Protein backbone atom coordinates (compact mmCIF):
# COMPACT_ATOMS: atom_id res chain seq x y z
CA MET A 1 -37.08 59.95 129.70
CA ALA A 2 -33.51 58.77 130.20
CA LYS A 3 -34.73 55.69 131.97
CA ALA A 4 -36.97 54.91 128.98
CA ALA A 5 -34.10 55.42 126.67
CA ALA A 6 -31.68 53.16 128.75
CA LYS A 7 -34.29 50.41 128.94
CA LYS A 8 -34.96 50.61 125.10
CA ALA A 9 -31.23 50.23 124.57
CA THR A 10 -30.97 47.11 126.67
CA THR A 11 -33.88 45.34 124.85
CA VAL A 12 -32.07 45.39 121.45
CA ALA A 13 -31.27 41.95 120.15
CA THR A 14 -27.47 41.30 119.82
CA PRO A 15 -26.41 39.95 116.42
CA SER A 16 -25.45 36.40 116.13
CA VAL A 17 -21.90 35.53 115.29
CA GLU A 18 -22.75 31.94 114.75
CA ARG A 19 -21.39 30.51 111.46
CA ARG A 20 -24.03 28.70 109.53
CA ALA A 21 -23.09 25.78 107.23
CA ALA A 22 -23.44 26.74 103.50
CA LEU A 23 -26.44 24.79 101.91
CA ALA A 24 -26.99 22.84 105.18
CA GLY A 25 -29.38 19.94 104.59
CA ARG A 26 -29.71 20.42 100.87
CA THR A 27 -30.19 17.24 98.89
CA THR A 28 -31.45 16.28 95.39
CA SER A 29 -32.68 12.96 94.33
CA ALA A 30 -33.08 11.78 90.90
CA PRO A 31 -33.69 8.06 89.64
CA ALA A 32 -29.92 7.39 89.14
CA VAL A 33 -28.15 9.96 91.21
CA LYS A 34 -28.35 11.71 94.76
CA VAL A 35 -26.67 14.96 95.29
CA GLU A 36 -26.20 16.06 98.93
CA VAL A 37 -24.16 18.59 101.00
CA LEU A 38 -21.75 16.76 103.24
CA PRO A 39 -21.30 17.72 107.00
CA PRO A 40 -18.74 20.20 107.97
CA ALA A 41 -14.92 18.90 107.98
CA GLU A 42 -11.63 20.17 109.07
CA ARG A 43 -9.33 21.28 106.02
CA ILE A 44 -5.86 22.51 105.11
CA SER A 45 -4.05 23.54 102.19
CA LEU A 46 -0.77 22.12 102.58
CA ARG A 47 2.43 23.12 100.66
CA ALA A 48 5.82 21.57 101.21
CA PRO A 49 9.10 20.57 99.55
CA GLU A 50 9.95 16.86 99.10
CA ALA A 51 12.22 16.93 101.98
CA SER A 52 9.47 17.77 104.35
CA VAL A 53 6.84 15.07 103.15
CA ALA A 54 7.95 12.36 105.46
CA ALA A 55 7.92 14.61 108.79
CA LEU A 56 4.42 16.07 107.76
CA SER A 57 3.14 12.51 106.76
CA LYS A 58 3.95 11.23 110.11
CA ALA A 59 2.32 14.17 111.98
CA LEU A 60 -0.94 13.97 109.82
CA GLY A 61 -1.21 10.15 110.38
CA VAL A 62 -1.56 9.70 106.65
CA THR A 63 1.06 9.40 104.13
CA LEU A 64 0.96 12.22 101.64
CA PRO A 65 0.70 11.13 98.02
CA LYS A 66 3.50 11.92 95.54
CA LYS A 67 1.87 10.90 92.43
CA PRO A 68 -0.67 13.01 90.25
CA LYS A 69 -4.45 12.13 90.57
CA THR A 70 -3.93 10.03 93.86
CA SER A 71 -5.09 10.34 97.41
CA ALA A 72 -4.53 8.52 100.57
CA SER A 73 -6.93 8.01 103.52
CA LYS A 74 -6.61 6.76 107.20
CA ALA A 75 -8.67 7.11 110.17
CA GLY A 76 -11.10 9.65 108.75
CA ARG A 77 -8.43 11.82 107.10
CA THR A 78 -7.69 12.19 103.40
CA ALA A 79 -4.65 13.76 101.67
CA LEU A 80 -5.34 14.58 98.07
CA TRP A 81 -2.25 15.51 95.78
CA LEU A 82 -2.96 18.78 93.99
CA GLY A 83 0.51 19.43 92.70
CA PRO A 84 4.19 18.56 93.06
CA ASP A 85 4.33 20.22 96.43
CA GLU A 86 0.58 20.88 97.18
CA TRP A 87 -2.12 18.69 98.85
CA LEU A 88 -5.54 19.35 100.31
CA VAL A 89 -5.92 17.50 103.52
CA ILE A 90 -9.62 16.75 104.67
CA ASP A 91 -10.26 15.41 108.14
CA GLU A 92 -14.02 14.11 108.76
CA ALA A 93 -13.19 12.69 112.25
CA GLY A 94 -13.14 15.84 114.16
CA ASN A 95 -9.47 16.22 114.54
CA ASP A 96 -7.33 19.39 113.57
CA PRO A 97 -4.86 18.79 110.88
CA LEU A 98 -3.45 22.37 111.21
CA ALA A 99 -2.68 21.66 114.82
CA ASP A 100 -1.14 18.42 113.89
CA CYS A 101 1.20 20.38 111.37
CA ALA A 102 2.15 23.14 113.88
CA GLY A 103 4.70 20.92 115.84
CA VAL A 104 6.57 19.91 112.48
CA SER A 105 9.78 21.81 112.29
CA ALA A 106 10.35 20.90 108.70
CA LEU A 107 9.78 23.57 105.95
CA HIS A 108 6.05 23.82 104.91
CA SER A 109 2.92 26.09 104.65
CA ALA A 110 -0.35 25.01 106.29
CA VAL A 111 -3.50 27.01 106.05
CA GLY A 112 -6.88 26.24 107.59
CA ILE A 113 -9.59 26.65 104.85
CA SER A 114 -12.22 24.67 106.67
CA HIS A 115 -14.61 27.50 106.40
CA ARG A 116 -13.68 28.36 102.85
CA ASN A 117 -14.84 25.05 101.28
CA VAL A 118 -18.00 23.03 101.04
CA ALA A 119 -18.27 19.36 100.00
CA ILE A 120 -21.06 17.79 97.99
CA ALA A 121 -21.36 14.17 97.48
CA VAL A 122 -22.60 13.10 94.18
CA THR A 123 -23.60 9.07 94.38
CA GLY A 124 -25.30 6.56 92.38
CA ALA A 125 -25.17 4.96 88.86
CA GLY A 126 -25.40 8.23 87.30
CA ALA A 127 -22.93 10.09 89.23
CA ALA A 128 -20.09 10.34 86.69
CA ALA A 129 -22.64 11.54 84.00
CA THR A 130 -23.93 14.25 86.43
CA ILE A 131 -20.47 15.55 86.91
CA ASN A 132 -19.55 15.20 83.26
CA ALA A 133 -22.54 17.69 82.39
CA GLY A 134 -20.14 20.46 83.29
CA CYS A 135 -16.80 18.74 83.74
CA PRO A 136 -14.58 17.73 80.90
CA GLN A 137 -12.49 15.27 82.71
CA ASP A 138 -12.77 11.44 81.58
CA LEU A 139 -14.56 9.95 84.78
CA SER A 140 -14.40 6.32 83.40
CA LEU A 141 -13.19 3.87 86.04
CA ASP A 142 -10.14 3.24 83.89
CA ALA A 143 -9.04 6.85 83.68
CA PHE A 144 -10.24 8.03 87.08
CA PRO A 145 -10.32 4.98 89.57
CA VAL A 146 -11.31 4.90 93.07
CA GLY A 147 -9.11 7.29 95.06
CA ALA A 148 -8.20 9.29 92.16
CA CYS A 149 -8.53 13.25 92.62
CA SER A 150 -7.92 16.30 90.57
CA ARG A 151 -8.37 20.22 90.66
CA THR A 152 -10.59 20.78 87.57
CA ILE A 153 -13.60 22.81 86.69
CA LEU A 154 -17.51 22.37 86.67
CA GLY A 155 -19.40 24.86 84.69
CA LYS A 156 -17.81 28.07 85.55
CA THR A 157 -16.02 27.31 88.73
CA GLU A 158 -13.07 25.36 90.02
CA ILE A 159 -13.52 22.11 92.05
CA VAL A 160 -11.33 19.49 93.71
CA LEU A 161 -12.98 16.05 92.60
CA LEU A 162 -12.24 12.70 94.52
CA ARG A 163 -13.82 9.42 93.57
CA THR A 164 -14.63 7.80 96.90
CA ALA A 165 -16.33 4.55 95.19
CA ALA A 166 -16.92 3.37 91.84
CA ASP A 167 -20.34 5.33 91.76
CA ALA A 168 -19.56 8.12 94.22
CA PHE A 169 -17.65 11.43 94.33
CA ARG A 170 -16.79 14.13 96.56
CA VAL A 171 -16.99 17.51 95.13
CA GLU A 172 -15.05 20.21 97.01
CA CYS A 173 -15.75 23.78 96.08
CA TRP A 174 -15.36 27.50 97.54
CA ARG A 175 -18.24 28.39 99.86
CA SER A 176 -18.96 31.44 97.62
CA PHE A 177 -19.52 29.21 94.64
CA SER A 178 -21.34 26.39 96.53
CA ASP A 179 -24.96 27.39 95.32
CA TYR A 180 -23.91 27.51 91.99
CA VAL A 181 -21.96 24.15 92.12
CA PHE A 182 -24.92 22.50 93.93
CA THR A 183 -27.64 23.85 91.50
CA PHE A 184 -25.47 22.64 88.46
CA LEU A 185 -25.01 19.18 89.76
CA SER A 186 -28.70 19.15 90.59
CA GLU A 187 -29.74 19.80 86.98
CA GLY A 188 -27.05 17.46 85.87
CA SER A 189 -28.50 14.79 87.95
CA ARG A 190 -32.04 15.35 86.17
CA ASP A 191 -30.21 14.85 82.89
CA ALA A 192 -28.33 11.57 83.96
CA ALA A 193 -31.49 10.24 84.89
CA VAL A 194 -32.99 10.24 81.55
């Protein structure tokens, strides 16, 4: 009887610890808009005083922007200005911005948030109208040109919005809100198509 119990214990499946991407593969298309989840990326939340910006920019390989609503990109890495001493750094090239900041002795705080955030692309002629279904920000090209970014709201959740082209946006949101944000944008895309 002890042998049977031991055999039964060894056949129990071990739980998986593999992290699955939120919303992986989800996409919605309407006549004027496409909403799709972007592949995972490395991200850090970076805080630093003005005196540390040059050293961090050098380590990251991209100049940290100093003006509101601006971003800078180089070699698959984008730095978004979120406040006077705050940036969101996104790396889509498979490099680790947190490791790049680790060797910088200048005062800063860098926190890895890669698994906290999900990115959703909204592209097409109706992209701005889709986002404006729940975001009060003026997304005209004059007010929000290519490269502009901001922390704002979409419906009931906070997002970080980056305009990547005249008709394309990257929407960053927390993983726990990603289903809500994706569904909201999907509904907005149907309205933008009308």
